[in-house]
Amino acid sequence: MSLEENKAVVRKFIEAYNKHDLSSIEDFVAPDFVDHTHKGGREGLKQLFAMAFKAFPDWHETIEDIIAEGDKVWVRVTTTATHKGEWQGQAPTGKKLKSEMVDIYRIVNGKHVEGRFVTDSLAFLKQLGAIEYTEQGKKLFPEDAK
C-alpha cells in the first residue's frame, strides 16, 4: 500500500473511533494486533475504548499531524473529553479535559498490525484532579500547575 493509503486507513479509523463505533475495530485492526503500550491486543483495545467512551462519552480526537514512512503512520491528535463516568476508580468529576497523544501504527494490507501510544498521562491526570503538583512542581511548571 502507498503512504497515502496507509494514512487514509488511520484517518478512517479515527473517524470511526470518534463515532464511538467499536464494531469498526475489526475493520481496521488485525486479529493478531500487537499493542506495545497496553499489551491487550485487538480485544484489549476494544475493552479500553469501551471503558473510555463510558467514562468520557464525548471523547473526540482531532488529527493535528499525520506522517507516513514505509509501513508506519505517526499521528498526533488533540483529544477533548468530559469526565462523566468512572475512570480507573475515579468518580466522575464533570471536568473538561484536553490532551495530546501520538499514536504510531504499522499498517499491513490496510489493517493496523502494531500500535504504540504516547500520552501525556501526567497532564491528563492533573486535569482530572487525580494528582496535584507538589510545591516544587508548581515552581518548575507554573503554567501546568494552574
N, C-alpha and C. Protein backbone atom coordinates (compact mmCIF):
# COMPACT_ATOMS: atom_id res chain seq x y z
N MET A 1 0.84 -1.19 0.00
CA MET A 1 0.00 0.00 0.00
C MET A 1 0.88 1.24 0.00
N SER A 2 0.36 2.31 -0.58
CA SER A 2 1.12 3.56 -0.63
C SER A 2 1.06 4.28 0.72
N LEU A 3 1.93 5.26 0.88
CA LEU A 3 1.93 6.06 2.10
C LEU A 3 0.59 6.74 2.30
N GLU A 4 0.03 7.28 1.22
CA GLU A 4 -1.27 7.96 1.31
C GLU A 4 -2.39 7.00 1.68
N GLU A 5 -2.33 5.78 1.16
CA GLU A 5 -3.34 4.78 1.52
C GLU A 5 -3.24 4.40 2.99
N ASN A 6 -2.02 4.28 3.49
CA ASN A 6 -1.83 3.97 4.91
C ASN A 6 -2.35 5.10 5.79
N LYS A 7 -2.08 6.34 5.40
CA LYS A 7 -2.60 7.48 6.17
C LYS A 7 -4.13 7.49 6.13
N ALA A 8 -4.70 7.14 4.98
CA ALA A 8 -6.17 7.11 4.86
C ALA A 8 -6.76 6.07 5.81
N VAL A 9 -6.10 4.93 5.98
CA VAL A 9 -6.57 3.90 6.92
C VAL A 9 -6.64 4.48 8.33
N VAL A 10 -5.61 5.20 8.74
CA VAL A 10 -5.58 5.78 10.08
C VAL A 10 -6.65 6.87 10.21
N ARG A 11 -6.79 7.71 9.20
CA ARG A 11 -7.84 8.75 9.25
C ARG A 11 -9.23 8.13 9.40
N LYS A 12 -9.51 7.09 8.62
CA LYS A 12 -10.83 6.43 8.68
C LYS A 12 -11.04 5.77 10.03
N PHE A 13 -9.98 5.20 10.58
CA PHE A 13 -10.06 4.58 11.90
C PHE A 13 -10.43 5.63 12.95
N ILE A 14 -9.79 6.78 12.90
CA ILE A 14 -10.08 7.84 13.87
C ILE A 14 -11.49 8.38 13.66
N GLU A 15 -11.93 8.48 12.42
CA GLU A 15 -13.31 8.91 12.16
C GLU A 15 -14.31 7.94 12.80
N ALA A 16 -14.08 6.65 12.64
CA ALA A 16 -14.96 5.64 13.24
C ALA A 16 -14.87 5.70 14.76
N TYR A 17 -13.67 5.87 15.26
CA TYR A 17 -13.44 5.98 16.70
C TYR A 17 -14.22 7.17 17.26
N ASN A 18 -14.18 8.29 16.56
CA ASN A 18 -14.90 9.48 17.02
C ASN A 18 -16.41 9.28 17.02
N LYS A 19 -16.89 8.32 16.26
CA LYS A 19 -18.32 7.97 16.29
C LYS A 19 -18.59 6.92 17.37
N HIS A 20 -17.53 6.51 18.07
CA HIS A 20 -17.59 5.50 19.13
C HIS A 20 -18.11 4.17 18.59
N ASP A 21 -17.72 3.86 17.37
CA ASP A 21 -18.14 2.65 16.69
C ASP A 21 -17.15 1.52 16.98
N LEU A 22 -17.38 0.80 18.06
CA LEU A 22 -16.46 -0.27 18.45
C LEU A 22 -16.45 -1.43 17.45
N SER A 23 -17.54 -1.62 16.73
CA SER A 23 -17.57 -2.71 15.76
C SER A 23 -16.60 -2.47 14.61
N SER A 24 -16.25 -1.22 14.37
CA SER A 24 -15.33 -0.91 13.27
C SER A 24 -13.89 -1.33 13.57
N ILE A 25 -13.60 -1.61 14.82
CA ILE A 25 -12.23 -2.02 15.17
C ILE A 25 -11.82 -3.22 14.33
N GLU A 26 -12.73 -4.15 14.11
CA GLU A 26 -12.39 -5.33 13.32
C GLU A 26 -12.11 -4.99 11.86
N ASP A 27 -12.67 -3.87 11.39
CA ASP A 27 -12.41 -3.43 10.01
C ASP A 27 -11.00 -2.86 9.86
N PHE A 28 -10.45 -2.32 10.94
CA PHE A 28 -9.18 -1.60 10.86
C PHE A 28 -8.02 -2.27 11.57
N VAL A 29 -8.32 -3.16 12.51
CA VAL A 29 -7.28 -3.74 13.37
C VAL A 29 -7.22 -5.25 13.13
N ALA A 30 -6.02 -5.74 12.81
CA ALA A 30 -5.82 -7.16 12.52
C ALA A 30 -6.09 -8.00 13.78
N PRO A 31 -6.55 -9.23 13.60
CA PRO A 31 -6.82 -10.11 14.75
C PRO A 31 -5.60 -10.32 15.64
N ASP A 32 -4.41 -10.33 15.05
CA ASP A 32 -3.19 -10.56 15.82
C ASP A 32 -2.45 -9.25 16.14
N PHE A 33 -3.21 -8.16 16.20
CA PHE A 33 -2.66 -6.83 16.52
C PHE A 33 -1.84 -6.88 17.80
N VAL A 34 -0.69 -6.23 17.77
CA VAL A 34 0.19 -6.14 18.94
C VAL A 34 0.15 -4.71 19.45
N ASP A 35 -0.32 -4.55 20.68
CA ASP A 35 -0.37 -3.24 21.33
C ASP A 35 0.82 -3.16 22.28
N HIS A 36 1.85 -2.44 21.88
CA HIS A 36 3.08 -2.37 22.66
C HIS A 36 2.92 -1.53 23.92
N THR A 37 1.86 -0.75 24.01
CA THR A 37 1.65 0.12 25.17
C THR A 37 0.75 -0.53 26.20
N HIS A 38 -0.42 -0.97 25.79
CA HIS A 38 -1.40 -1.51 26.74
C HIS A 38 -1.36 -3.03 26.86
N LYS A 39 -0.70 -3.68 25.91
CA LYS A 39 -0.46 -5.13 25.93
C LYS A 39 -1.73 -5.97 25.80
N GLY A 40 -2.82 -5.42 25.27
CA GLY A 40 -4.06 -6.16 25.25
C GLY A 40 -4.49 -6.69 23.90
N GLY A 41 -3.75 -6.45 22.84
CA GLY A 41 -4.16 -6.89 21.52
C GLY A 41 -5.46 -6.24 21.07
N ARG A 42 -6.09 -6.81 20.04
CA ARG A 42 -7.30 -6.21 19.48
C ARG A 42 -8.44 -6.21 20.50
N GLU A 43 -8.64 -7.31 21.22
CA GLU A 43 -9.72 -7.36 22.21
C GLU A 43 -9.47 -6.38 23.34
N GLY A 44 -8.23 -6.26 23.75
CA GLY A 44 -7.88 -5.30 24.80
C GLY A 44 -8.15 -3.88 24.35
N LEU A 45 -7.88 -3.61 23.08
CA LEU A 45 -8.15 -2.28 22.53
C LEU A 45 -9.64 -1.98 22.57
N LYS A 46 -10.46 -2.96 22.20
CA LYS A 46 -11.92 -2.78 22.27
C LYS A 46 -12.35 -2.48 23.70
N GLN A 47 -11.81 -3.22 24.66
CA GLN A 47 -12.17 -3.02 26.07
C GLN A 47 -11.75 -1.63 26.55
N LEU A 48 -10.54 -1.22 26.17
CA LEU A 48 -10.05 0.10 26.56
C LEU A 48 -10.94 1.20 26.00
N PHE A 49 -11.28 1.08 24.71
CA PHE A 49 -12.14 2.08 24.08
C PHE A 49 -13.52 2.11 24.74
N ALA A 50 -14.08 0.94 25.05
CA ALA A 50 -15.40 0.88 25.69
C ALA A 50 -15.37 1.58 27.05
N MET A 51 -14.32 1.34 27.83
CA MET A 51 -14.18 2.00 29.14
C MET A 51 -14.05 3.50 28.97
N ALA A 52 -13.25 3.92 27.98
CA ALA A 52 -13.05 5.35 27.75
C ALA A 52 -14.35 6.03 27.34
N PHE A 53 -15.11 5.40 26.45
CA PHE A 53 -16.36 6.00 25.98
C PHE A 53 -17.40 6.07 27.10
N LYS A 54 -17.36 5.12 28.02
CA LYS A 54 -18.28 5.14 29.16
C LYS A 54 -17.91 6.28 30.12
N ALA A 55 -16.63 6.44 30.37
CA ALA A 55 -16.17 7.48 31.30
C ALA A 55 -16.19 8.87 30.67
N PHE A 56 -15.95 8.92 29.35
CA PHE A 56 -15.85 10.18 28.62
C PHE A 56 -16.74 10.09 27.38
N PRO A 57 -18.05 10.20 27.52
CA PRO A 57 -18.96 9.93 26.40
C PRO A 57 -18.80 10.88 25.21
N ASP A 58 -18.17 12.02 25.42
CA ASP A 58 -17.96 12.95 24.30
C ASP A 58 -16.50 12.95 23.81
N TRP A 59 -15.74 11.90 24.15
CA TRP A 59 -14.34 11.79 23.74
C TRP A 59 -14.23 12.00 22.24
N HIS A 60 -13.32 12.89 21.85
CA HIS A 60 -13.14 13.19 20.42
C HIS A 60 -11.66 13.45 20.17
N GLU A 61 -11.18 12.96 19.04
CA GLU A 61 -9.79 13.19 18.65
C GLU A 61 -9.75 13.99 17.35
N THR A 62 -8.90 15.00 17.35
CA THR A 62 -8.68 15.82 16.16
C THR A 62 -7.25 15.59 15.69
N ILE A 63 -7.10 15.21 14.44
CA ILE A 63 -5.77 14.98 13.88
C ILE A 63 -5.08 16.32 13.67
N GLU A 64 -3.91 16.45 14.26
CA GLU A 64 -3.10 17.67 14.12
C GLU A 64 -2.00 17.47 13.08
N ASP A 65 -1.39 16.29 13.10
CA ASP A 65 -0.32 15.95 12.16
C ASP A 65 -0.44 14.48 11.84
N ILE A 66 -0.08 14.13 10.61
CA ILE A 66 -0.04 12.73 10.24
C ILE A 66 1.12 12.54 9.26
N ILE A 67 1.97 11.57 9.56
CA ILE A 67 3.19 11.35 8.78
C ILE A 67 3.31 9.85 8.52
N ALA A 68 3.68 9.49 7.31
CA ALA A 68 3.86 8.08 6.98
C ALA A 68 5.23 7.85 6.37
N GLU A 69 5.79 6.71 6.71
CA GLU A 69 7.04 6.27 6.09
C GLU A 69 7.05 4.75 6.12
N GLY A 70 7.32 4.15 5.00
CA GLY A 70 7.29 2.69 4.93
C GLY A 70 5.90 2.18 5.28
N ASP A 71 5.84 1.26 6.23
CA ASP A 71 4.55 0.73 6.65
C ASP A 71 4.04 1.35 7.95
N LYS A 72 4.67 2.46 8.38
CA LYS A 72 4.29 3.10 9.64
C LYS A 72 3.61 4.45 9.41
N VAL A 73 2.65 4.74 10.29
CA VAL A 73 1.96 6.04 10.28
C VAL A 73 2.01 6.60 11.69
N TRP A 74 2.50 7.83 11.80
CA TRP A 74 2.52 8.57 13.05
C TRP A 74 1.40 9.58 12.98
N VAL A 75 0.60 9.66 14.02
CA VAL A 75 -0.47 10.64 14.04
C VAL A 75 -0.46 11.33 15.40
N ARG A 76 -0.47 12.67 15.36
CA ARG A 76 -0.57 13.46 16.61
C ARG A 76 -1.98 13.98 16.66
N VAL A 77 -2.66 13.68 17.77
CA VAL A 77 -4.04 14.10 17.92
C VAL A 77 -4.20 14.94 19.18
N THR A 78 -5.18 15.83 19.13
CA THR A 78 -5.65 16.53 20.32
C THR A 78 -6.95 15.87 20.72
N THR A 79 -7.03 15.49 21.97
CA THR A 79 -8.25 14.87 22.47
C THR A 79 -8.99 15.85 23.37
N THR A 80 -10.30 15.81 23.28
CA THR A 80 -11.15 16.57 24.20
C THR A 80 -12.18 15.60 24.76
N ALA A 81 -12.53 15.78 26.02
CA ALA A 81 -13.47 14.87 26.66
C ALA A 81 -13.98 15.48 27.96
N THR A 82 -15.16 15.04 28.37
CA THR A 82 -15.72 15.44 29.65
C THR A 82 -15.86 14.20 30.51
N HIS A 83 -15.35 14.28 31.73
CA HIS A 83 -15.33 13.13 32.64
C HIS A 83 -16.71 12.95 33.28
N LYS A 84 -17.51 12.06 32.69
CA LYS A 84 -18.89 11.86 33.15
C LYS A 84 -19.14 10.47 33.74
N GLY A 85 -18.16 9.60 33.69
CA GLY A 85 -18.30 8.26 34.26
C GLY A 85 -17.03 7.87 34.98
N GLU A 86 -17.08 6.80 35.75
CA GLU A 86 -15.91 6.36 36.50
C GLU A 86 -14.76 6.01 35.55
N TRP A 87 -13.56 6.45 35.91
CA TRP A 87 -12.37 6.14 35.13
C TRP A 87 -11.30 5.64 36.08
N GLN A 88 -10.95 4.40 35.96
CA GLN A 88 -9.91 3.76 36.75
C GLN A 88 -10.07 4.05 38.24
N GLY A 89 -11.31 3.89 38.70
CA GLY A 89 -11.61 4.06 40.12
C GLY A 89 -11.92 5.49 40.54
N GLN A 90 -11.79 6.45 39.65
CA GLN A 90 -12.07 7.84 39.99
C GLN A 90 -13.50 8.18 39.60
N ALA A 91 -14.26 8.67 40.57
CA ALA A 91 -15.65 9.05 40.33
C ALA A 91 -15.71 10.20 39.32
N PRO A 92 -16.82 10.31 38.59
CA PRO A 92 -16.95 11.39 37.61
C PRO A 92 -16.79 12.77 38.25
N THR A 93 -16.09 13.64 37.55
CA THR A 93 -15.85 14.99 38.07
C THR A 93 -16.58 16.06 37.25
N GLY A 94 -17.00 15.71 36.04
CA GLY A 94 -17.62 16.70 35.16
C GLY A 94 -16.59 17.62 34.51
N LYS A 95 -15.31 17.38 34.77
CA LYS A 95 -14.27 18.25 34.23
C LYS A 95 -14.07 18.01 32.74
N LYS A 96 -13.84 19.10 32.02
CA LYS A 96 -13.50 19.02 30.60
C LYS A 96 -11.98 18.91 30.49
N LEU A 97 -11.54 17.93 29.72
CA LEU A 97 -10.11 17.65 29.59
C LEU A 97 -9.67 17.86 28.15
N LYS A 98 -8.40 18.22 28.02
CA LYS A 98 -7.79 18.37 26.70
C LYS A 98 -6.37 17.86 26.81
N SER A 99 -5.97 17.00 25.88
CA SER A 99 -4.61 16.49 25.93
C SER A 99 -4.14 16.14 24.52
N GLU A 100 -2.85 15.87 24.42
CA GLU A 100 -2.26 15.46 23.15
C GLU A 100 -1.76 14.03 23.27
N MET A 101 -1.84 13.32 22.15
CA MET A 101 -1.31 11.96 22.08
C MET A 101 -0.62 11.79 20.74
N VAL A 102 0.34 10.90 20.71
CA VAL A 102 0.98 10.49 19.47
C VAL A 102 0.80 8.97 19.37
N ASP A 103 0.19 8.55 18.29
CA ASP A 103 -0.02 7.13 18.04
C ASP A 103 0.83 6.72 16.85
N ILE A 104 1.45 5.57 16.95
CA ILE A 104 2.28 5.05 15.86
C ILE A 104 1.71 3.69 15.48
N TYR A 105 1.28 3.58 14.24
CA TYR A 105 0.70 2.34 13.75
C TYR A 105 1.58 1.75 12.66
N ARG A 106 1.65 0.43 12.64
CA ARG A 106 2.23 -0.27 11.50
C ARG A 106 1.05 -0.87 10.75
N ILE A 107 0.98 -0.56 9.46
CA ILE A 107 -0.15 -0.95 8.62
C ILE A 107 0.31 -2.00 7.62
N VAL A 108 -0.43 -3.11 7.55
CA VAL A 108 -0.17 -4.16 6.57
C VAL A 108 -1.51 -4.54 5.94
N ASN A 109 -1.56 -4.46 4.61
CA ASN A 109 -2.79 -4.81 3.88
C ASN A 109 -4.02 -4.07 4.42
N GLY A 110 -3.84 -2.79 4.75
CA GLY A 110 -4.96 -1.96 5.16
C GLY A 110 -5.42 -2.13 6.60
N LYS A 111 -4.64 -2.85 7.41
CA LYS A 111 -5.03 -3.05 8.81
C LYS A 111 -3.87 -2.71 9.74
N HIS A 112 -4.23 -2.24 10.93
CA HIS A 112 -3.24 -1.98 11.97
C HIS A 112 -2.76 -3.34 12.49
N VAL A 113 -1.46 -3.57 12.43
CA VAL A 113 -0.91 -4.82 12.97
C VAL A 113 -0.10 -4.58 14.24
N GLU A 114 0.35 -3.33 14.42
CA GLU A 114 1.07 -2.96 15.64
C GLU A 114 0.71 -1.53 15.99
N GLY A 115 0.74 -1.22 17.28
CA GLY A 115 0.48 0.14 17.72
C GLY A 115 1.28 0.49 18.95
N ARG A 116 1.68 1.74 19.00
CA ARG A 116 2.34 2.33 20.17
C ARG A 116 1.63 3.64 20.43
N PHE A 117 1.32 3.92 21.71
CA PHE A 117 0.52 5.09 22.04
C PHE A 117 1.22 5.90 23.12
N VAL A 118 1.54 7.14 22.80
CA VAL A 118 2.26 8.01 23.72
C VAL A 118 1.30 9.11 24.17
N THR A 119 1.01 9.11 25.47
CA THR A 119 0.05 10.06 26.03
C THR A 119 0.72 10.85 27.13
N ASP A 120 0.36 12.11 27.26
CA ASP A 120 0.84 12.91 28.38
C ASP A 120 -0.03 12.58 29.59
N SER A 121 0.25 11.44 30.20
CA SER A 121 -0.56 10.95 31.31
C SER A 121 -0.54 11.91 32.50
N LEU A 122 0.57 12.56 32.75
CA LEU A 122 0.68 13.49 33.87
C LEU A 122 -0.31 14.63 33.69
N ALA A 123 -0.34 15.25 32.52
CA ALA A 123 -1.27 16.36 32.27
C ALA A 123 -2.71 15.88 32.34
N PHE A 124 -2.97 14.68 31.80
CA PHE A 124 -4.33 14.12 31.83
C PHE A 124 -4.80 13.93 33.27
N LEU A 125 -3.97 13.29 34.10
CA LEU A 125 -4.34 13.04 35.49
C LEU A 125 -4.46 14.33 36.29
N LYS A 126 -3.63 15.30 35.95
CA LYS A 126 -3.71 16.61 36.62
C LYS A 126 -5.04 17.27 36.31
N GLN A 127 -5.44 17.29 35.05
CA GLN A 127 -6.72 17.89 34.67
C GLN A 127 -7.90 17.15 35.30
N LEU A 128 -7.75 15.84 35.43
CA LEU A 128 -8.81 15.02 36.01
C LEU A 128 -8.96 15.28 37.51
N GLY A 129 -7.89 15.82 38.12
CA GLY A 129 -7.90 16.06 39.55
C GLY A 129 -7.39 14.87 40.34
N ALA A 130 -6.82 13.89 39.65
CA ALA A 130 -6.31 12.69 40.31
C ALA A 130 -4.97 12.94 41.00
N ILE A 131 -4.23 13.95 40.52
CA ILE A 131 -2.94 14.29 41.12
C ILE A 131 -2.82 15.81 41.22
N GLU A 132 -1.96 16.25 42.09
CA GLU A 132 -1.64 17.67 42.23
C GLU A 132 -0.12 17.81 42.24
N TYR A 133 0.36 18.91 41.70
CA TYR A 133 1.78 19.17 41.75
C TYR A 133 2.20 19.50 43.17
N THR A 134 3.41 19.08 43.54
CA THR A 134 3.99 19.50 44.80
C THR A 134 4.36 20.97 44.69
N GLU A 135 4.78 21.57 45.77
CA GLU A 135 5.21 22.98 45.73
C GLU A 135 6.39 23.14 44.76
N GLN A 136 7.32 22.19 44.78
CA GLN A 136 8.45 22.23 43.85
C GLN A 136 7.96 22.11 42.41
N GLY A 137 7.00 21.23 42.17
CA GLY A 137 6.44 21.07 40.83
C GLY A 137 5.77 22.34 40.34
N LYS A 138 5.08 23.03 41.23
CA LYS A 138 4.42 24.30 40.85
C LYS A 138 5.45 25.35 40.45
N LYS A 139 6.62 25.32 41.11
CA LYS A 139 7.69 26.26 40.75
C LYS A 139 8.30 25.91 39.41
N LEU A 140 8.51 24.61 39.18
CA LEU A 140 9.14 24.17 37.94
C LEU A 140 8.22 24.31 36.73
N PHE A 141 6.92 24.08 36.94
CA PHE A 141 5.94 24.10 35.85
C PHE A 141 4.76 24.99 36.19
N PRO A 142 5.00 26.32 36.35
CA PRO A 142 3.94 27.19 36.81
C PRO A 142 2.71 27.22 35.89
N GLU A 143 2.91 27.12 34.59
CA GLU A 143 1.76 27.15 33.67
C GLU A 143 0.92 25.88 33.80
N ASP A 144 1.60 24.74 33.98
CA ASP A 144 0.89 23.47 34.09
C ASP A 144 0.21 23.31 35.45
N ALA A 145 0.69 24.01 36.46
CA ALA A 145 0.20 23.83 37.82
C ALA A 145 -1.13 24.55 38.05
N LYS A 146 -1.57 25.35 37.08
CA LYS A 146 -2.82 26.11 37.27
C LYS A 146 -4.01 25.22 37.24
